[in-house]
Amino acid sequence: MWVAVQGCRFCSIVNNQPEKHLRESDNAVVVEDAYPHAPHHYLILSKRHINKASDLTTADLPLVKEMDRLGRDYLRETLKQRGEADTVEDLLRMGFHWSMFVSVHHLHMHLLYPTRDVCFISSELIQHSGNDRNSNSFFFCSWSKNIILNLL
């Protein structure tokens, strides 16, 4: 069991609410977003309490990659079980809220799919420019774009 920070909702989910775990790995847990903005909107929670994405260090790169892999595997399995097409990368958005837009101070990666079905307001918050699906908005940072580059 990981050390929980008192009063942290996501620490509570990780440590005390296994019924909410859709999939789990050694260091992360997939759960449904309480306020989904896409047909598939999941949160990948770090089991270790890290306050926010900007607190990540190079030592955390394996954790971020594990979170990405766990989320993608869960989405792929869910789509297959529902008879939906396999994941289309151009319609997948994974990343973190940045700086002052973090609603829960516990590292969590958002997975939204398909982005074409995201509501208008949410699409403005997570949109990426042009054909670069790794570009960022003011509110949302694709993990592969900024996080990885800043950690290397």
N, C-alpha and C. Protein backbone atom coordinates (compact mmCIF):
# COMPACT_ATOMS: atom_id res chain seq x y z
N MET A 1 0.85 -1.18 0.00
CA MET A 1 0.00 0.00 0.00
C MET A 1 0.89 1.24 0.00
N TRP A 2 0.46 2.25 -0.72
CA TRP A 2 1.20 3.50 -0.83
C TRP A 2 0.78 4.44 0.30
N VAL A 3 1.67 5.31 0.67
CA VAL A 3 1.37 6.29 1.72
C VAL A 3 0.37 7.29 1.17
N ALA A 4 -0.74 7.45 1.86
CA ALA A 4 -1.79 8.37 1.43
C ALA A 4 -1.62 9.72 2.11
N VAL A 5 -1.93 10.76 1.36
CA VAL A 5 -1.94 12.11 1.92
C VAL A 5 -3.35 12.36 2.44
N GLN A 6 -3.45 12.70 3.69
CA GLN A 6 -4.75 12.93 4.32
C GLN A 6 -5.54 13.98 3.55
N GLY A 7 -6.79 13.68 3.24
CA GLY A 7 -7.67 14.61 2.56
C GLY A 7 -7.57 14.58 1.04
N CYS A 8 -6.66 13.78 0.48
CA CYS A 8 -6.51 13.69 -0.97
C CYS A 8 -7.51 12.67 -1.51
N ARG A 9 -8.41 13.12 -2.38
CA ARG A 9 -9.43 12.23 -2.96
C ARG A 9 -8.82 11.08 -3.73
N PHE A 10 -7.77 11.38 -4.50
CA PHE A 10 -7.19 10.33 -5.33
C PHE A 10 -6.37 9.34 -4.52
N CYS A 11 -5.72 9.79 -3.45
CA CYS A 11 -5.04 8.84 -2.54
C CYS A 11 -6.08 7.89 -1.95
N SER A 12 -7.24 8.42 -1.62
CA SER A 12 -8.30 7.59 -1.07
C SER A 12 -8.76 6.55 -2.08
N ILE A 13 -8.93 6.95 -3.34
CA ILE A 13 -9.34 6.00 -4.38
C ILE A 13 -8.27 4.93 -4.57
N VAL A 14 -7.02 5.34 -4.65
CA VAL A 14 -5.91 4.39 -4.85
C VAL A 14 -5.83 3.38 -3.71
N ASN A 15 -5.94 3.86 -2.48
CA ASN A 15 -5.68 3.01 -1.31
C ASN A 15 -6.92 2.37 -0.69
N ASN A 16 -8.08 3.00 -0.82
CA ASN A 16 -9.25 2.54 -0.06
C ASN A 16 -10.47 2.19 -0.89
N GLN A 17 -10.42 2.38 -2.21
CA GLN A 17 -11.61 2.14 -3.02
C GLN A 17 -11.29 1.27 -4.24
N PRO A 18 -10.89 0.03 -4.01
CA PRO A 18 -10.51 -0.84 -5.13
C PRO A 18 -11.67 -1.12 -6.09
N GLU A 19 -12.89 -0.96 -5.63
CA GLU A 19 -14.04 -1.18 -6.52
C GLU A 19 -14.08 -0.17 -7.67
N LYS A 20 -13.38 0.94 -7.54
CA LYS A 20 -13.33 1.95 -8.61
C LYS A 20 -12.20 1.70 -9.60
N HIS A 21 -11.32 0.76 -9.29
CA HIS A 21 -10.17 0.48 -10.16
C HIS A 21 -10.64 -0.32 -11.37
N LEU A 22 -10.49 0.25 -12.56
CA LEU A 22 -10.84 -0.46 -13.79
C LEU A 22 -9.69 -1.35 -14.25
N ARG A 23 -8.50 -0.88 -14.02
CA ARG A 23 -7.28 -1.64 -14.32
C ARG A 23 -6.19 -1.08 -13.42
N GLU A 24 -5.22 -1.93 -13.11
CA GLU A 24 -4.18 -1.53 -12.16
C GLU A 24 -2.84 -2.09 -12.59
N SER A 25 -1.80 -1.35 -12.32
CA SER A 25 -0.42 -1.83 -12.51
C SER A 25 0.32 -1.62 -11.20
N ASP A 26 1.59 -1.85 -11.20
CA ASP A 26 2.36 -1.68 -9.97
C ASP A 26 2.32 -0.25 -9.43
N ASN A 27 2.26 0.72 -10.33
CA ASN A 27 2.40 2.11 -9.91
C ASN A 27 1.25 3.03 -10.29
N ALA A 28 0.20 2.49 -10.90
CA ALA A 28 -0.90 3.35 -11.36
C ALA A 28 -2.23 2.59 -11.37
N VAL A 29 -3.30 3.36 -11.42
CA VAL A 29 -4.66 2.83 -11.42
C VAL A 29 -5.49 3.60 -12.45
N VAL A 30 -6.31 2.91 -13.22
CA VAL A 30 -7.25 3.56 -14.14
C VAL A 30 -8.62 3.61 -13.48
N VAL A 31 -9.25 4.78 -13.52
CA VAL A 31 -10.61 4.96 -13.00
C VAL A 31 -11.40 5.79 -14.01
N GLU A 32 -12.72 5.73 -13.90
CA GLU A 32 -13.56 6.59 -14.74
C GLU A 32 -13.49 8.01 -14.22
N ASP A 33 -13.54 8.98 -15.13
CA ASP A 33 -13.62 10.37 -14.71
C ASP A 33 -15.02 10.62 -14.17
N ALA A 34 -15.12 11.30 -13.06
CA ALA A 34 -16.42 11.56 -12.43
C ALA A 34 -17.29 12.48 -13.29
N TYR A 35 -16.67 13.30 -14.12
CA TYR A 35 -17.39 14.24 -14.99
C TYR A 35 -16.86 14.08 -16.41
N PRO A 36 -17.23 12.99 -17.09
CA PRO A 36 -16.63 12.69 -18.39
C PRO A 36 -16.98 13.73 -19.46
N HIS A 37 -15.98 14.01 -20.30
CA HIS A 37 -16.14 14.95 -21.40
C HIS A 37 -16.05 14.27 -22.76
N ALA A 38 -15.95 12.94 -22.75
CA ALA A 38 -15.89 12.15 -23.98
C ALA A 38 -16.47 10.78 -23.65
N PRO A 39 -16.89 10.03 -24.69
CA PRO A 39 -17.42 8.69 -24.43
C PRO A 39 -16.48 7.81 -23.61
N HIS A 40 -15.20 7.97 -23.82
CA HIS A 40 -14.19 7.28 -23.02
C HIS A 40 -13.32 8.35 -22.38
N HIS A 41 -13.56 8.63 -21.11
CA HIS A 41 -12.76 9.62 -20.38
C HIS A 41 -12.34 8.95 -19.08
N TYR A 42 -11.07 8.61 -19.03
CA TYR A 42 -10.53 7.91 -17.88
C TYR A 42 -9.40 8.73 -17.26
N LEU A 43 -9.16 8.48 -15.99
CA LEU A 43 -8.03 9.08 -15.30
C LEU A 43 -7.07 7.95 -14.94
N ILE A 44 -5.80 8.18 -15.19
CA ILE A 44 -4.78 7.24 -14.77
C ILE A 44 -4.08 7.90 -13.59
N LEU A 45 -4.30 7.34 -12.40
CA LEU A 45 -3.79 7.92 -11.16
C LEU A 45 -2.47 7.28 -10.77
N SER A 46 -1.52 8.09 -10.40
CA SER A 46 -0.28 7.57 -9.82
C SER A 46 -0.61 7.03 -8.44
N LYS A 47 -0.07 5.86 -8.10
CA LYS A 47 -0.29 5.34 -6.74
C LYS A 47 0.51 6.15 -5.72
N ARG A 48 1.65 6.65 -6.16
CA ARG A 48 2.46 7.50 -5.27
C ARG A 48 1.94 8.92 -5.38
N HIS A 49 1.75 9.57 -4.27
CA HIS A 49 1.25 10.94 -4.29
C HIS A 49 2.33 11.89 -4.81
N ILE A 50 2.08 12.43 -5.99
CA ILE A 50 2.89 13.50 -6.57
C ILE A 50 1.90 14.64 -6.77
N ASN A 51 2.23 15.80 -6.32
CA ASN A 51 1.28 16.91 -6.28
C ASN A 51 0.74 17.29 -7.66
N LYS A 52 1.62 17.45 -8.64
CA LYS A 52 1.18 17.87 -9.98
C LYS A 52 2.24 17.51 -11.01
N ALA A 53 1.87 17.59 -12.29
CA ALA A 53 2.78 17.18 -13.36
C ALA A 53 4.06 18.00 -13.37
N SER A 54 3.99 19.25 -13.02
CA SER A 54 5.20 20.08 -13.03
C SER A 54 6.18 19.69 -11.92
N ASP A 55 5.77 18.81 -11.01
CA ASP A 55 6.67 18.31 -9.97
C ASP A 55 7.45 17.06 -10.40
N LEU A 56 7.16 16.54 -11.59
CA LEU A 56 7.85 15.35 -12.07
C LEU A 56 9.33 15.63 -12.29
N THR A 57 10.14 14.59 -12.10
CA THR A 57 11.58 14.67 -12.35
C THR A 57 11.95 13.58 -13.34
N THR A 58 13.20 13.56 -13.77
CA THR A 58 13.65 12.52 -14.70
C THR A 58 13.45 11.13 -14.11
N ALA A 59 13.51 11.01 -12.81
CA ALA A 59 13.30 9.71 -12.16
C ALA A 59 11.87 9.20 -12.35
N ASP A 60 10.94 10.11 -12.69
CA ASP A 60 9.53 9.74 -12.85
C ASP A 60 9.17 9.35 -14.28
N LEU A 61 10.10 9.43 -15.21
CA LEU A 61 9.81 9.08 -16.60
C LEU A 61 9.24 7.67 -16.74
N PRO A 62 9.78 6.65 -16.07
CA PRO A 62 9.16 5.32 -16.16
C PRO A 62 7.71 5.30 -15.65
N LEU A 63 7.41 6.06 -14.63
CA LEU A 63 6.04 6.14 -14.12
C LEU A 63 5.11 6.72 -15.18
N VAL A 64 5.50 7.81 -15.82
CA VAL A 64 4.65 8.45 -16.83
C VAL A 64 4.43 7.50 -18.00
N LYS A 65 5.48 6.80 -18.42
CA LYS A 65 5.33 5.82 -19.51
C LYS A 65 4.41 4.68 -19.09
N GLU A 66 4.52 4.24 -17.85
CA GLU A 66 3.64 3.18 -17.34
C GLU A 66 2.19 3.64 -17.31
N MET A 67 1.95 4.88 -16.90
CA MET A 67 0.60 5.43 -16.88
C MET A 67 0.02 5.46 -18.29
N ASP A 68 0.82 5.90 -19.26
CA ASP A 68 0.38 5.94 -20.65
C ASP A 68 0.03 4.54 -21.15
N ARG A 69 0.92 3.60 -20.92
CA ARG A 69 0.71 2.22 -21.38
C ARG A 69 -0.54 1.61 -20.74
N LEU A 70 -0.71 1.83 -19.45
CA LEU A 70 -1.87 1.29 -18.73
C LEU A 70 -3.17 1.84 -19.30
N GLY A 71 -3.22 3.14 -19.53
CA GLY A 71 -4.42 3.76 -20.09
C GLY A 71 -4.73 3.27 -21.49
N ARG A 72 -3.71 3.20 -22.34
CA ARG A 72 -3.90 2.72 -23.72
C ARG A 72 -4.37 1.27 -23.74
N ASP A 73 -3.76 0.44 -22.91
CA ASP A 73 -4.17 -0.97 -22.86
C ASP A 73 -5.62 -1.11 -22.41
N TYR A 74 -6.00 -0.32 -21.40
CA TYR A 74 -7.38 -0.40 -20.93
C TYR A 74 -8.35 0.06 -22.01
N LEU A 75 -8.04 1.16 -22.69
CA LEU A 75 -8.91 1.66 -23.76
C LEU A 75 -9.05 0.62 -24.86
N ARG A 76 -7.93 0.06 -25.30
CA ARG A 76 -7.95 -0.95 -26.37
C ARG A 76 -8.83 -2.14 -25.97
N GLU A 77 -8.67 -2.62 -24.74
CA GLU A 77 -9.46 -3.75 -24.25
C GLU A 77 -10.95 -3.39 -24.19
N THR A 78 -11.26 -2.20 -23.72
CA THR A 78 -12.65 -1.75 -23.60
C THR A 78 -13.30 -1.63 -24.97
N LEU A 79 -12.60 -1.05 -25.94
CA LEU A 79 -13.14 -0.92 -27.29
C LEU A 79 -13.40 -2.29 -27.89
N LYS A 80 -12.49 -3.22 -27.68
CA LYS A 80 -12.65 -4.58 -28.22
C LYS A 80 -13.87 -5.26 -27.59
N GLN A 81 -14.03 -5.14 -26.28
CA GLN A 81 -15.16 -5.76 -25.59
C GLN A 81 -16.49 -5.19 -26.07
N ARG A 82 -16.51 -3.93 -26.43
CA ARG A 82 -17.75 -3.27 -26.87
C ARG A 82 -17.97 -3.39 -28.37
N GLY A 83 -17.06 -4.05 -29.07
CA GLY A 83 -17.20 -4.22 -30.50
C GLY A 83 -16.92 -2.96 -31.29
N GLU A 84 -16.22 -2.02 -30.68
CA GLU A 84 -15.88 -0.77 -31.36
C GLU A 84 -14.54 -0.95 -32.07
N ALA A 85 -14.27 -0.08 -33.01
CA ALA A 85 -13.01 -0.13 -33.74
C ALA A 85 -11.83 0.06 -32.79
N ASP A 86 -10.67 -0.40 -33.23
CA ASP A 86 -9.47 -0.20 -32.42
C ASP A 86 -9.15 1.29 -32.33
N THR A 87 -8.29 1.64 -31.42
CA THR A 87 -7.93 3.02 -31.16
C THR A 87 -7.39 3.71 -32.41
N VAL A 88 -7.91 4.88 -32.70
CA VAL A 88 -7.40 5.73 -33.77
C VAL A 88 -6.59 6.83 -33.09
N GLU A 89 -5.28 6.82 -33.30
CA GLU A 89 -4.38 7.74 -32.58
C GLU A 89 -4.78 9.20 -32.74
N ASP A 90 -5.25 9.59 -33.92
CA ASP A 90 -5.62 10.99 -34.14
C ASP A 90 -6.81 11.42 -33.30
N LEU A 91 -7.57 10.48 -32.76
CA LEU A 91 -8.75 10.80 -31.95
C LEU A 91 -8.50 10.60 -30.47
N LEU A 92 -7.27 10.28 -30.11
CA LEU A 92 -6.90 10.02 -28.72
C LEU A 92 -6.13 11.21 -28.17
N ARG A 93 -6.50 11.64 -26.99
CA ARG A 93 -5.78 12.74 -26.31
C ARG A 93 -5.46 12.28 -24.90
N MET A 94 -4.17 12.32 -24.57
CA MET A 94 -3.73 11.95 -23.23
C MET A 94 -2.81 13.04 -22.72
N GLY A 95 -3.01 13.42 -21.47
CA GLY A 95 -2.14 14.45 -20.92
C GLY A 95 -2.58 14.90 -19.56
N PHE A 96 -1.99 16.00 -19.14
CA PHE A 96 -2.20 16.54 -17.80
C PHE A 96 -2.73 17.96 -17.88
N HIS A 97 -3.54 18.33 -16.90
CA HIS A 97 -3.85 19.75 -16.73
C HIS A 97 -2.58 20.40 -16.22
N TRP A 98 -2.42 21.64 -16.56
CA TRP A 98 -1.17 22.32 -16.25
C TRP A 98 -1.37 23.44 -15.24
N SER A 99 -0.44 23.62 -14.41
CA SER A 99 -0.30 24.71 -13.42
C SER A 99 -1.57 24.98 -12.65
N MET A 100 -2.13 26.18 -12.81
CA MET A 100 -3.26 26.58 -11.98
C MET A 100 -4.56 25.87 -12.34
N PHE A 101 -4.57 25.06 -13.39
CA PHE A 101 -5.79 24.39 -13.81
C PHE A 101 -5.91 22.97 -13.26
N VAL A 102 -5.07 22.63 -12.31
CA VAL A 102 -5.13 21.32 -11.67
C VAL A 102 -6.25 21.36 -10.63
N SER A 103 -7.25 20.50 -10.80
CA SER A 103 -8.39 20.50 -9.88
C SER A 103 -8.15 19.63 -8.65
N VAL A 104 -7.39 18.56 -8.81
CA VAL A 104 -7.03 17.69 -7.68
C VAL A 104 -5.51 17.58 -7.67
N HIS A 105 -4.91 17.94 -6.58
CA HIS A 105 -3.45 17.94 -6.49
C HIS A 105 -2.93 16.54 -6.14
N HIS A 106 -3.03 15.68 -7.14
CA HIS A 106 -2.49 14.31 -7.10
C HIS A 106 -2.28 13.96 -8.57
N LEU A 107 -1.09 13.56 -8.94
CA LEU A 107 -0.78 13.32 -10.34
C LEU A 107 -1.80 12.39 -10.99
N HIS A 108 -2.43 12.87 -12.06
CA HIS A 108 -3.37 12.06 -12.82
C HIS A 108 -3.32 12.47 -14.28
N MET A 109 -3.29 11.46 -15.13
CA MET A 109 -3.28 11.66 -16.57
C MET A 109 -4.70 11.45 -17.09
N HIS A 110 -5.16 12.36 -17.94
CA HIS A 110 -6.47 12.21 -18.58
C HIS A 110 -6.31 11.43 -19.87
N LEU A 111 -7.27 10.56 -20.16
CA LEU A 111 -7.37 9.87 -21.43
C LEU A 111 -8.76 10.19 -21.96
N LEU A 112 -8.83 10.83 -23.13
CA LEU A 112 -10.11 11.17 -23.75
C LEU A 112 -10.16 10.57 -25.14
N TYR A 113 -11.27 9.88 -25.45
CA TYR A 113 -11.41 9.22 -26.74
C TYR A 113 -12.88 9.00 -27.05
N PRO A 114 -13.34 9.22 -28.26
CA PRO A 114 -12.67 9.93 -29.33
C PRO A 114 -12.84 11.45 -29.14
N THR A 115 -11.82 12.19 -29.50
CA THR A 115 -11.87 13.64 -29.28
C THR A 115 -12.91 14.32 -30.15
N ARG A 116 -13.32 13.70 -31.24
CA ARG A 116 -14.35 14.33 -32.08
C ARG A 116 -15.69 14.42 -31.35
N ASP A 117 -15.87 13.60 -30.30
CA ASP A 117 -17.12 13.60 -29.54
C ASP A 117 -17.01 14.34 -28.22
N VAL A 118 -15.95 15.10 -28.03
CA VAL A 118 -15.78 15.89 -26.81
C VAL A 118 -16.67 17.12 -26.92
N CYS A 119 -17.34 17.51 -25.82
CA CYS A 119 -18.21 18.67 -25.85
C CYS A 119 -17.41 19.92 -26.20
N PHE A 120 -18.07 20.96 -26.73
CA PHE A 120 -17.41 22.14 -27.26
C PHE A 120 -16.47 22.80 -26.26
N ILE A 121 -16.96 23.06 -25.05
CA ILE A 121 -16.13 23.76 -24.07
C ILE A 121 -14.89 22.93 -23.75
N SER A 122 -15.07 21.65 -23.56
CA SER A 122 -13.92 20.79 -23.28
C SER A 122 -12.97 20.74 -24.46
N SER A 123 -13.51 20.74 -25.68
CA SER A 123 -12.63 20.68 -26.85
C SER A 123 -11.76 21.92 -26.93
N GLU A 124 -12.29 23.05 -26.52
CA GLU A 124 -11.50 24.28 -26.50
C GLU A 124 -10.38 24.20 -25.47
N LEU A 125 -10.62 23.49 -24.37
CA LEU A 125 -9.62 23.38 -23.32
C LEU A 125 -8.50 22.40 -23.67
N ILE A 126 -8.83 21.35 -24.42
CA ILE A 126 -7.83 20.32 -24.69
C ILE A 126 -7.35 20.32 -26.13
N GLN A 127 -7.89 21.19 -26.97
CA GLN A 127 -7.58 21.13 -28.40
C GLN A 127 -6.09 21.25 -28.67
N HIS A 128 -5.71 20.69 -29.78
CA HIS A 128 -4.35 20.84 -30.25
C HIS A 128 -4.41 21.49 -31.61
N SER A 129 -3.36 22.15 -32.01
CA SER A 129 -3.37 22.92 -33.24
C SER A 129 -2.95 22.07 -34.43
N GLY A 130 -3.61 22.29 -35.53
CA GLY A 130 -3.26 21.63 -36.78
C GLY A 130 -3.25 20.13 -36.67
N ASN A 131 -2.27 19.52 -37.31
CA ASN A 131 -2.17 18.07 -37.30
C ASN A 131 -1.24 17.55 -36.22
N ASP A 132 -0.74 18.44 -35.38
CA ASP A 132 0.18 18.02 -34.33
C ASP A 132 -0.62 17.65 -33.09
N ARG A 133 -0.93 16.36 -32.93
CA ARG A 133 -1.74 15.95 -31.80
C ARG A 133 -0.97 16.00 -30.49
N ASN A 134 0.33 16.32 -30.55
CA ASN A 134 1.11 16.48 -29.33
C ASN A 134 1.25 17.93 -28.92
N SER A 135 0.59 18.84 -29.67
CA SER A 135 0.67 20.24 -29.28
C SER A 135 -0.24 20.46 -28.07
N ASN A 136 -0.09 21.59 -27.44
CA ASN A 136 -0.76 21.84 -26.17
C ASN A 136 -1.67 23.04 -26.24
N SER A 137 -2.65 23.05 -25.36
CA SER A 137 -3.46 24.24 -25.16
C SER A 137 -2.95 24.90 -23.89
N PHE A 138 -3.54 26.02 -23.56
CA PHE A 138 -3.15 26.75 -22.35
C PHE A 138 -3.48 25.94 -21.10
N PHE A 139 -4.49 25.07 -21.17
CA PHE A 139 -5.00 24.34 -20.01
C PHE A 139 -4.51 22.90 -19.92
N PHE A 140 -4.12 22.34 -21.06
CA PHE A 140 -3.89 20.90 -21.13
C PHE A 140 -2.57 20.63 -21.83
N CYS A 141 -1.77 19.78 -21.27
CA CYS A 141 -0.44 19.47 -21.81
C CYS A 141 -0.37 18.00 -22.18
N SER A 142 -0.11 17.75 -23.46
CA SER A 142 0.13 16.38 -23.88
C SER A 142 1.40 15.89 -23.21
N TRP A 143 1.33 14.74 -22.58
CA TRP A 143 2.48 14.30 -21.79
C TRP A 143 3.72 14.11 -22.65
N SER A 144 3.55 13.63 -23.86
CA SER A 144 4.72 13.34 -24.68
C SER A 144 5.43 14.59 -25.17
N LYS A 145 4.69 15.68 -25.26
CA LYS A 145 5.28 16.92 -25.78
C LYS A 145 6.13 17.62 -24.73
N ASN A 146 5.52 18.13 -23.71
CA ASN A 146 6.25 18.93 -22.73
C ASN A 146 6.87 18.12 -21.62
N ILE A 147 6.12 17.20 -21.07
CA ILE A 147 6.61 16.47 -19.90
C ILE A 147 7.90 15.73 -20.24
N ILE A 148 7.86 14.92 -21.27
CA ILE A 148 9.03 14.11 -21.61
C ILE A 148 10.20 15.00 -22.01
N LEU A 149 9.95 16.00 -22.84
CA LEU A 149 11.04 16.88 -23.26
C LEU A 149 11.67 17.59 -22.08
N ASN A 150 10.87 17.99 -21.12
CA ASN A 150 11.41 18.69 -19.96
C ASN A 150 12.15 17.75 -19.01
N LEU A 151 11.81 16.47 -19.05
CA LEU A 151 12.47 15.52 -18.15
C LEU A 151 13.79 15.01 -18.70
N LEU A 152 13.99 15.14 -20.00
CA LEU A 152 15.22 14.61 -20.61
C LEU A 152 16.38 15.55 -20.46
